[in-house]
């Protein structure tokens, strides 16, 4: 889904150029269930911030951690990030 919006920044050429030449993606919340309940866990009690697989598992001589289930929200974010070549991101908690 791509949303095309024409922004007008009166007098600020640098910001207008940035908006005209940059793809900006916004993910308001990966966990709306947790936001609503004021918890880090989703509706089934999984902390989505800790649900991503360990990308470096198995690269050391130590045994890999036990496999765990990846939540649908986590899978969606993983697919989204794989589809785009992000070069900069910001993460706000609060």
PDB file of N, CA and C in Angstrom:
ATOM      1  N   UNK A   1       0.841  -1.170   0.000  1.00  0.00           N
ATOM      2  CA  UNK A   1       0.000   0.000   0.000  1.00  0.00           C
ATOM      3  C   UNK A   1       0.884   1.230   0.000  1.00  0.00           C
ATOM      4  N   UNK A   2       0.729   2.075  -0.964  1.00  0.00           N
ATOM      5  CA  UNK A   2       1.513   3.310  -1.050  1.00  0.00           C
ATOM      6  C   UNK A   2       0.544   4.476  -1.058  1.00  0.00           C
ATOM      7  N   UNK A   3       0.804   5.434  -0.212  1.00  0.00           N
ATOM      8  CA  UNK A   3      -0.037   6.607  -0.117  1.00  0.00           C
ATOM      9  C   UNK A   3       0.726   7.793  -0.670  1.00  0.00           C
ATOM     10  N   UNK A   4       0.234   8.375  -1.727  1.00  0.00           N
ATOM     11  CA  UNK A   4       0.883   9.547  -2.308  1.00  0.00           C
ATOM     12  C   UNK A   4       0.260  10.807  -1.755  1.00  0.00           C
ATOM     13  N   UNK A   5       1.063  11.629  -1.144  1.00  0.00           N
ATOM     14  CA  UNK A   5       0.572  12.875  -0.565  1.00  0.00           C
ATOM     15  C   UNK A   5       1.469  14.006  -1.057  1.00  0.00           C
ATOM     16  N   UNK A   6       0.873  15.093  -1.432  1.00  0.00           N
ATOM     17  CA  UNK A   6       1.621  16.259  -1.871  1.00  0.00           C
ATOM     18  C   UNK A   6       1.734  17.231  -0.696  1.00  0.00           C
ATOM     19  N   UNK A   7       2.920  17.304  -0.098  1.00  0.00           N
ATOM     20  CA  UNK A   7       3.139  18.209   1.016  1.00  0.00           C
ATOM     21  C   UNK A   7       3.621  19.551   0.491  1.00  0.00           C
ATOM     22  N   UNK A   8       3.165  20.596   1.091  1.00  0.00           N
ATOM     23  CA  UNK A   8       3.628  21.932   0.756  1.00  0.00           C
ATOM     24  C   UNK A   8       4.254  22.553   2.005  1.00  0.00           C
ATOM     25  N   UNK A   9       5.536  22.855   1.932  1.00  0.00           N
ATOM     26  CA  UNK A   9       6.240  23.499   3.039  1.00  0.00           C
ATOM     27  C   UNK A   9       6.586  24.904   2.598  1.00  0.00           C
ATOM     28  N   UNK A  10       5.847  25.843   3.076  1.00  0.00           N
ATOM     29  CA  UNK A  10       6.027  27.216   2.617  1.00  0.00           C
ATOM     30  C   UNK A  10       7.411  27.735   2.979  1.00  0.00           C
ATOM     31  N   UNK A  11       8.214  27.940   1.941  1.00  0.00           N
ATOM     32  CA  UNK A  11       9.513  28.571   2.120  1.00  0.00           C
ATOM     33  C   UNK A  11      10.654  27.672   2.568  1.00  0.00           C
ATOM     34  N   UNK A  12      10.426  26.416   2.915  1.00  0.00           N
ATOM     35  CA  UNK A  12      11.511  25.558   3.373  1.00  0.00           C
ATOM     36  C   UNK A  12      11.863  24.575   2.256  1.00  0.00           C
ATOM     37  N   UNK A  13      12.818  24.955   1.437  1.00  0.00           N
ATOM     38  CA  UNK A  13      13.191  24.178   0.256  1.00  0.00           C
ATOM     39  C   UNK A  13      13.786  22.826   0.636  1.00  0.00           C
ATOM     40  N   UNK A  14      14.604  22.777   1.701  1.00  0.00           N
ATOM     41  CA  UNK A  14      15.245  21.528   2.099  1.00  0.00           C
ATOM     42  C   UNK A  14      14.211  20.479   2.526  1.00  0.00           C
ATOM     43  N   UNK A  15      13.251  20.889   3.317  1.00  0.00           N
ATOM     44  CA  UNK A  15      12.225  19.935   3.759  1.00  0.00           C
ATOM     45  C   UNK A  15      11.357  19.514   2.579  1.00  0.00           C
ATOM     46  N   UNK A  16      11.012  20.460   1.708  1.00  0.00           N
ATOM     47  CA  UNK A  16      10.214  20.119   0.529  1.00  0.00           C
ATOM     48  C   UNK A  16      10.957  19.116  -0.349  1.00  0.00           C
ATOM     49  N   UNK A  17      12.253  19.299  -0.536  1.00  0.00           N
ATOM     50  CA  UNK A  17      13.062  18.368  -1.337  1.00  0.00           C
ATOM     51  C   UNK A  17      13.117  16.991  -0.681  1.00  0.00           C
ATOM     52  N   UNK A  18      13.301  16.959   0.633  1.00  0.00           N
ATOM     53  CA  UNK A  18      13.315  15.693   1.366  1.00  0.00           C
ATOM     54  C   UNK A  18      11.996  14.944   1.175  1.00  0.00           C
ATOM     55  N   UNK A  19      10.890  15.623   1.340  1.00  0.00           N
ATOM     56  CA  UNK A  19       9.584  14.984   1.198  1.00  0.00           C
ATOM     57  C   UNK A  19       9.306  14.543  -0.232  1.00  0.00           C
ATOM     58  N   UNK A  20       9.837  15.265  -1.197  1.00  0.00           N
ATOM     59  CA  UNK A  20       9.606  14.921  -2.602  1.00  0.00           C
ATOM     60  C   UNK A  20      10.487  13.773  -3.092  1.00  0.00           C
ATOM     61  N   UNK A  21      11.579  13.496  -2.404  1.00  0.00           N
ATOM     62  CA  UNK A  21      12.541  12.505  -2.904  1.00  0.00           C
ATOM     63  C   UNK A  21      12.772  11.323  -1.972  1.00  0.00           C
ATOM     64  N   UNK A  22      12.063  11.261  -0.867  1.00  0.00           N
ATOM     65  CA  UNK A  22      12.313  10.235   0.132  1.00  0.00           C
ATOM     66  C   UNK A  22      11.051   9.430   0.408  1.00  0.00           C
ATOM     67  N   UNK A  23      11.207   8.120   0.506  1.00  0.00           N
ATOM     68  CA  UNK A  23      10.089   7.276   0.945  1.00  0.00           C
ATOM     69  C   UNK A  23      10.102   7.238   2.457  1.00  0.00           C
ATOM     70  N   UNK A  24       9.011   7.653   3.053  1.00  0.00           N
ATOM     71  CA  UNK A  24       8.903   7.678   4.507  1.00  0.00           C
ATOM     72  C   UNK A  24       7.814   6.689   4.910  1.00  0.00           C
ATOM     73  N   UNK A  25       8.176   5.736   5.761  1.00  0.00           N
ATOM     74  CA  UNK A  25       7.247   4.716   6.232  1.00  0.00           C
ATOM     75  C   UNK A  25       7.008   4.941   7.718  1.00  0.00           C
ATOM     76  N   UNK A  26       5.761   4.858   8.123  1.00  0.00           N
ATOM     77  CA  UNK A  26       5.417   5.072   9.531  1.00  0.00           C
ATOM     78  C   UNK A  26       4.646   3.852  10.036  1.00  0.00           C
ATOM     79  N   UNK A  27       5.121   3.279  11.112  1.00  0.00           N
ATOM     80  CA  UNK A  27       4.443   2.172  11.784  1.00  0.00           C
ATOM     81  C   UNK A  27       3.984   2.707  13.144  1.00  0.00           C
ATOM     82  N   UNK A  28       2.720   3.140  13.244  1.00  0.00           N
ATOM     83  CA  UNK A  28       2.269   3.758  14.497  1.00  0.00           C
ATOM     84  C   UNK A  28       2.385   2.834  15.703  1.00  0.00           C
ATOM     85  N   UNK A  29       2.052   1.565  15.533  1.00  0.00           N
ATOM     86  CA  UNK A  29       2.153   0.624  16.646  1.00  0.00           C
ATOM     87  C   UNK A  29       2.208  -0.797  16.109  1.00  0.00           C
ATOM     88  N   UNK A  30       3.187  -1.545  16.560  1.00  0.00           N
ATOM     89  CA  UNK A  30       3.255  -2.957  16.207  1.00  0.00           C
ATOM     90  C   UNK A  30       2.321  -3.754  17.111  1.00  0.00           C
ATOM     91  N   UNK A  31       1.939  -3.166  18.222  1.00  0.00           N
ATOM     92  CA  UNK A  31       1.182  -3.885  19.234  1.00  0.00           C
ATOM     93  C   UNK A  31      -0.013  -3.058  19.728  1.00  0.00           C
ATOM     94  N   UNK A  32      -1.046  -2.890  18.900  1.00  0.00           N
ATOM     95  CA  UNK A  32      -2.196  -2.110  19.359  1.00  0.00           C
ATOM     96  C   UNK A  32      -2.927  -2.758  20.538  1.00  0.00           C
ATOM     97  N   UNK A  33      -2.906  -4.100  20.615  1.00  0.00           N
ATOM     98  CA  UNK A  33      -3.538  -4.778  21.762  1.00  0.00           C
ATOM     99  C   UNK A  33      -2.845  -4.379  23.063  1.00  0.00           C
ATOM    100  N   UNK A  34      -1.529  -4.428  23.055  1.00  0.00           N
ATOM    101  CA  UNK A  34      -0.769  -4.061  24.244  1.00  0.00           C
ATOM    102  C   UNK A  34      -0.916  -2.594  24.584  1.00  0.00           C
ATOM    103  N   UNK A  35      -0.976  -1.749  23.565  1.00  0.00           N
ATOM    104  CA  UNK A  35      -1.163  -0.322  23.816  1.00  0.00           C
ATOM    105  C   UNK A  35      -2.494  -0.085  24.527  1.00  0.00           C
ATOM    106  N   UNK A  36      -3.524  -0.744  24.036  1.00  0.00           N
ATOM    107  CA  UNK A  36      -4.862  -0.604  24.635  1.00  0.00           C
ATOM    108  C   UNK A  36      -4.872  -1.100  26.078  1.00  0.00           C
ATOM    109  N   UNK A  37      -4.141  -2.194  26.353  1.00  0.00           N
ATOM    110  CA  UNK A  37      -4.112  -2.780  27.699  1.00  0.00           C
ATOM    111  C   UNK A  37      -2.996  -2.210  28.572  1.00  0.00           C
ATOM    112  N   UNK A  38      -2.207  -1.305  27.996  1.00  0.00           N
ATOM    113  CA  UNK A  38      -1.060  -0.691  28.692  1.00  0.00           C
ATOM    114  C   UNK A  38      -0.070  -1.734  29.183  1.00  0.00           C
ATOM    115  N   UNK A  39       0.290  -2.649  28.259  1.00  0.00           N
ATOM    116  CA  UNK A  39       1.259  -3.701  28.574  1.00  0.00           C
ATOM    117  C   UNK A  39       2.121  -3.952  27.346  1.00  0.00           C
ATOM    118  N   UNK A  40       3.258  -4.573  27.542  1.00  0.00           N
ATOM    119  CA  UNK A  40       4.130  -4.911  26.410  1.00  0.00           C
ATOM    120  C   UNK A  40       3.637  -6.135  25.657  1.00  0.00           C
ATOM    121  N   UNK A  41       2.764  -6.909  26.282  1.00  0.00           N
ATOM    122  CA  UNK A  41       2.302  -8.160  25.678  1.00  0.00           C
ATOM    123  C   UNK A  41       1.128  -7.913  24.737  1.00  0.00           C
ATOM    124  N   UNK A  42       1.020  -8.769  23.721  1.00  0.00           N
ATOM    125  CA  UNK A  42      -0.125  -8.688  22.820  1.00  0.00           C
ATOM    126  C   UNK A  42      -1.327  -9.383  23.463  1.00  0.00           C
ATOM    127  N   UNK A  43      -2.378  -9.630  22.684  1.00  0.00           N
ATOM    128  CA  UNK A  43      -3.611 -10.194  23.251  1.00  0.00           C
ATOM    129  C   UNK A  43      -3.458 -11.620  23.781  1.00  0.00           C
ATOM    130  N   UNK A  44      -2.404 -12.335  23.361  1.00  0.00           N
ATOM    131  CA  UNK A  44      -2.182 -13.698  23.868  1.00  0.00           C
ATOM    132  C   UNK A  44      -1.019 -13.758  24.858  1.00  0.00           C
ATOM    133  N   UNK A  45      -0.564 -12.585  25.323  1.00  0.00           N
ATOM    134  CA  UNK A  45       0.436 -12.540  26.382  1.00  0.00           C
ATOM    135  C   UNK A  45       1.882 -12.613  25.942  1.00  0.00           C
ATOM    136  N   UNK A  46       2.170 -12.405  24.648  1.00  0.00           N
ATOM    137  CA  UNK A  46       3.551 -12.472  24.156  1.00  0.00           C
ATOM    138  C   UNK A  46       4.124 -11.058  24.041  1.00  0.00           C
ATOM    139  N   UNK A  47       5.319 -10.844  24.605  1.00  0.00           N
ATOM    140  CA  UNK A  47       6.022  -9.571  24.475  1.00  0.00           C
ATOM    141  C   UNK A  47       6.603  -9.496  23.064  1.00  0.00           C
ATOM    142  N   UNK A  48       5.991  -8.680  22.207  1.00  0.00           N
ATOM    143  CA  UNK A  48       6.415  -8.622  20.808  1.00  0.00           C
ATOM    144  C   UNK A  48       7.813  -8.038  20.639  1.00  0.00           C
ATOM    145  N   UNK A  49       8.267  -7.218  21.585  1.00  0.00           N
ATOM    146  CA  UNK A  49       9.633  -6.686  21.502  1.00  0.00           C
ATOM    147  C   UNK A  49      10.682  -7.776  21.681  1.00  0.00           C
ATOM    148  N   UNK A  50      10.297  -8.888  22.290  1.00  0.00           N
ATOM    149  CA  UNK A  50      11.220 -10.005  22.512  1.00  0.00           C
ATOM    150  C   UNK A  50      10.873 -11.209  21.636  1.00  0.00           C
ATOM    151  N   UNK A  51       9.986 -11.039  20.652  1.00  0.00           N
ATOM    152  CA  UNK A  51       9.483 -12.164  19.872  1.00  0.00           C
ATOM    153  C   UNK A  51      10.248 -12.399  18.572  1.00  0.00           C
ATOM    154  N   UNK A  52      11.124 -11.496  18.202  1.00  0.00           N
ATOM    155  CA  UNK A  52      11.874 -11.681  16.957  1.00  0.00           C
ATOM    156  C   UNK A  52      12.917 -12.780  17.131  1.00  0.00           C
ATOM    157  N   UNK A  53      13.101 -13.621  16.097  1.00  0.00           N
ATOM    158  CA  UNK A  53      14.100 -14.680  16.201  1.00  0.00           C
ATOM    159  C   UNK A  53      15.509 -14.098  16.333  1.00  0.00           C
ATOM    160  N   UNK A  54      16.376 -14.837  16.972  1.00  0.00           N
ATOM    161  CA  UNK A  54      17.775 -14.427  17.118  1.00  0.00           C
ATOM    162  C   UNK A  54      18.477 -14.643  15.791  1.00  0.00           C
ATOM    163  N   UNK A  55      18.844 -13.577  15.139  1.00  0.00           N
ATOM    164  CA  UNK A  55      19.446 -13.683  13.810  1.00  0.00           C
ATOM    165  C   UNK A  55      20.825 -14.320  13.855  1.00  0.00           C
ATOM    166  N   UNK A  56      21.456 -14.326  15.016  1.00  0.00           N
ATOM    167  CA  UNK A  56      22.799 -14.885  15.124  1.00  0.00           C
ATOM    168  C   UNK A  56      22.808 -16.271  15.775  1.00  0.00           C
ATOM    169  N   UNK A  57      21.655 -16.843  16.047  1.00  0.00           N
ATOM    170  CA  UNK A  57      21.592 -18.166  16.679  1.00  0.00           C
ATOM    171  C   UNK A  57      22.284 -19.199  15.786  1.00  0.00           C
ATOM    172  N   UNK A  58      23.043 -20.055  16.396  1.00  0.00           N
ATOM    173  CA  UNK A  58      23.717 -21.108  15.649  1.00  0.00           C
ATOM    174  C   UNK A  58      25.058 -20.701  15.060  1.00  0.00           C
ATOM    175  N   UNK A  59      25.465 -19.445  15.218  1.00  0.00           N
ATOM    176  CA  UNK A  59      26.753 -19.002  14.673  1.00  0.00           C
ATOM    177  C   UNK A  59      27.897 -19.175  15.658  1.00  0.00           C
ATOM    178  N   UNK A  60      27.570 -19.600  16.870  1.00  0.00           N
ATOM    179  CA  UNK A  60      28.620 -19.835  17.865  1.00  0.00           C
ATOM    180  C   UNK A  60      28.609 -21.309  18.232  1.00  0.00           C
ATOM    181  N   UNK A  61      29.589 -21.722  19.005  1.00  0.00           N
ATOM    182  CA  UNK A  61      29.670 -23.119  19.414  1.00  0.00           C
ATOM    183  C   UNK A  61      28.659 -23.440  20.503  1.00  0.00           C
ATOM    184  N   UNK A  62      28.112 -22.402  21.142  1.00  0.00           N
ATOM    185  CA  UNK A  62      27.092 -22.645  22.156  1.00  0.00           C
ATOM    186  C   UNK A  62      25.824 -23.149  21.485  1.00  0.00           C
ATOM    187  N   UNK A  63      25.046 -23.913  22.221  1.00  0.00           N
ATOM    188  CA  UNK A  63      23.813 -24.445  21.636  1.00  0.00           C
ATOM    189  C   UNK A  63      22.816 -23.318  21.397  1.00  0.00           C
ATOM    190  N   UNK A  64      22.054 -23.438  20.333  1.00  0.00           N
ATOM    191  CA  UNK A  64      21.059 -22.430  19.984  1.00  0.00           C
ATOM    192  C   UNK A  64      19.932 -22.455  21.003  1.00  0.00           C
ATOM    193  N   UNK A  65      19.331 -21.298  21.244  1.00  0.00           N
ATOM    194  CA  UNK A  65      18.195 -21.279  22.164  1.00  0.00           C
ATOM    195  C   UNK A  65      17.024 -22.074  21.591  1.00  0.00           C
ATOM    196  N   UNK A  66      16.128 -22.537  22.445  1.00  0.00           N
ATOM    197  CA  UNK A  66      15.000 -23.312  21.927  1.00  0.00           C
ATOM    198  C   UNK A  66      14.161 -22.484  20.955  1.00  0.00           C
ATOM    199  N   UNK A  67      13.647 -23.159  19.938  1.00  0.00           N
ATOM    200  CA  UNK A  67      12.810 -22.474  18.955  1.00  0.00           C
ATOM    201  C   UNK A  67      11.536 -21.998  19.638  1.00  0.00           C
ATOM    202  N   UNK A  68      11.038 -20.877  19.192  1.00  0.00           N
ATOM    203  CA  UNK A  68       9.804 -20.362  19.755  1.00  0.00           C
ATOM    204  C   UNK A  68       8.869 -19.928  18.630  1.00  0.00           C
ATOM    205  N   UNK A  69       7.647 -19.758  18.980  1.00  0.00           N
ATOM    206  CA  UNK A  69       6.630 -19.362  18.011  1.00  0.00           C
ATOM    207  C   UNK A  69       6.759 -17.871  17.715  1.00  0.00           C
ATOM    208  N   UNK A  70       6.684 -17.525  16.446  1.00  0.00           N
ATOM    209  CA  UNK A  70       6.727 -16.129  16.044  1.00  0.00           C
ATOM    210  C   UNK A  70       5.291 -15.664  15.842  1.00  0.00           C
ATOM    211  N   UNK A  71       4.927 -14.596  16.525  1.00  0.00           N
ATOM    212  CA  UNK A  71       3.566 -14.064  16.476  1.00  0.00           C
ATOM    213  C   UNK A  71       3.272 -13.443  15.095  1.00  0.00           C
ATOM    214  N   UNK A  72       1.990 -13.401  14.706  1.00  0.00           N
ATOM    215  CA  UNK A  72       1.616 -12.814  13.410  1.00  0.00           C
ATOM    216  C   UNK A  72       2.081 -11.371  13.245  1.00  0.00           C
ATOM    217  N   UNK A  73       2.047 -10.584  14.338  1.00  0.00           N
ATOM    218  CA  UNK A  73       2.500  -9.198  14.263  1.00  0.00           C
ATOM    219  C   UNK A  73       3.997  -9.143  13.935  1.00  0.00           C
ATOM    220  N   UNK A  74       4.758 -10.023  14.558  1.00  0.00           N
ATOM    221  CA  UNK A  74       6.195 -10.081  14.311  1.00  0.00           C
ATOM    222  C   UNK A  74       6.478 -10.508  12.881  1.00  0.00           C
ATOM    223  N   UNK A  75       5.768 -11.509  12.386  1.00  0.00           N
ATOM    224  CA  UNK A  75       5.938 -11.957  11.003  1.00  0.00           C
ATOM    225  C   UNK A  75       5.623 -10.839  10.022  1.00  0.00           C
ATOM    226  N   UNK A  76       4.576 -10.064  10.293  1.00  0.00           N
ATOM    227  CA  UNK A  76       4.202  -8.961   9.403  1.00  0.00           C
ATOM    228  C   UNK A  76       5.297  -7.901   9.346  1.00  0.00           C
ATOM    229  N   UNK A  77       5.873  -7.553  10.489  1.00  0.00           N
ATOM    230  CA  UNK A  77       6.949  -6.556  10.511  1.00  0.00           C
ATOM    231  C   UNK A  77       8.194  -7.103   9.816  1.00  0.00           C
ATOM    232  N   UNK A  78       8.485  -8.385   9.992  1.00  0.00           N
ATOM    233  CA  UNK A  78       9.644  -8.988   9.321  1.00  0.00           C
ATOM    234  C   UNK A  78       9.468  -8.957   7.796  1.00  0.00           C
ATOM    235  N   UNK A  79       8.266  -9.277   7.306  1.00  0.00           N
ATOM    236  CA  UNK A  79       8.002  -9.214   5.859  1.00  0.00           C
ATOM    237  C   UNK A  79       8.120  -7.785   5.350  1.00  0.00           C
ATOM    238  N   UNK A  80       7.572  -6.837   6.093  1.00  0.00           N
ATOM    239  CA  UNK A  80       7.595  -5.424   5.708  1.00  0.00           C
ATOM    240  C   UNK A  80       9.036  -4.911   5.600  1.00  0.00           C
ATOM    241  N   UNK A  81       9.869  -5.221   6.589  1.00  0.00           N
ATOM    242  CA  UNK A  81      11.251  -4.741   6.555  1.00  0.00           C
ATOM    243  C   UNK A  81      12.062  -5.436   5.466  1.00  0.00           C
ATOM    244  N   UNK A  82      11.708  -6.676   5.117  1.00  0.00           N
ATOM    245  CA  UNK A  82      12.420  -7.378   4.043  1.00  0.00           C
ATOM    246  C   UNK A  82      12.063  -6.816   2.663  1.00  0.00           C
ATOM    247  N   UNK A  83      10.911  -6.193   2.544  1.00  0.00           N
ATOM    248  CA  UNK A  83      10.462  -5.658   1.258  1.00  0.00           C
ATOM    249  C   UNK A  83      11.022  -4.280   0.949  1.00  0.00           C
ATOM    250  N   UNK A  84      11.628  -3.629   1.914  1.00  0.00           N
ATOM    251  CA  UNK A  84      12.114  -2.257   1.725  1.00  0.00           C
ATOM    252  C   UNK A  84      13.572  -2.159   2.143  1.00  0.00           C
ATOM    253  N   UNK A  85      14.313  -1.328   1.464  1.00  0.00           N
ATOM    254  CA  UNK A  85      15.723  -1.109   1.780  1.00  0.00           C
ATOM    255  C   UNK A  85      15.836   0.112   2.692  1.00  0.00           C
ATOM    256  N   UNK A  86      15.562  -0.098   3.965  1.00  0.00           N
ATOM    257  CA  UNK A  86      15.630   1.010   4.912  1.00  0.00           C
ATOM    258  C   UNK A  86      17.090   1.391   5.171  1.00  0.00           C
ATOM    259  N   UNK A  87      17.354   2.680   5.177  1.00  0.00           N
ATOM    260  CA  UNK A  87      18.702   3.146   5.480  1.00  0.00           C
ATOM    261  C   UNK A  87      18.756   3.937   6.782  1.00  0.00           C
ATOM    262  N   UNK A  88      17.595   4.315   7.294  1.00  0.00           N
ATOM    263  CA  UNK A  88      17.537   5.064   8.540  1.00  0.00           C
ATOM    264  C   UNK A  88      16.195   4.771   9.194  1.00  0.00           C
ATOM    265  N   UNK A  89      16.204   4.611  10.495  1.00  0.00           N
ATOM    266  CA  UNK A  89      14.943   4.428  11.209  1.00  0.00           C
ATOM    267  C   UNK A  89      15.019   5.111  12.567  1.00  0.00           C
ATOM    268  N   UNK A  90      13.856   5.372  13.118  1.00  0.00           N
ATOM    269  CA  UNK A  90      13.751   5.928  14.455  1.00  0.00           C
ATOM    270  C   UNK A  90      12.703   5.135  15.207  1.00  0.00           C
ATOM    271  N   UNK A  91      12.925   4.950  16.474  1.00  0.00           N
ATOM    272  CA  UNK A  91      12.013   4.170  17.294  1.00  0.00           C
ATOM    273  C   UNK A  91      11.697   4.992  18.535  1.00  0.00           C
ATOM    274  N   UNK A  92      10.426   5.276  18.721  1.00  0.00           N
ATOM    275  CA  UNK A  92      10.003   6.075  19.869  1.00  0.00           C
ATOM    276  C   UNK A  92       9.181   5.221  20.821  1.00  0.00           C
ATOM    277  N   UNK A  93       9.551   5.212  22.085  1.00  0.00           N
ATOM    278  CA  UNK A  93       8.786   4.531  23.127  1.00  0.00           C
ATOM    279  C   UNK A  93       8.306   5.611  24.092  1.00  0.00           C
ATOM    280  N   UNK A  94       7.120   5.430  24.566  1.00  0.00           N
ATOM    281  CA  UNK A  94       6.682   6.418  25.545  1.00  0.00           C
ATOM    282  C   UNK A  94       5.230   6.327  25.855  1.00  0.00           C
TER     283      UNK A  94
END
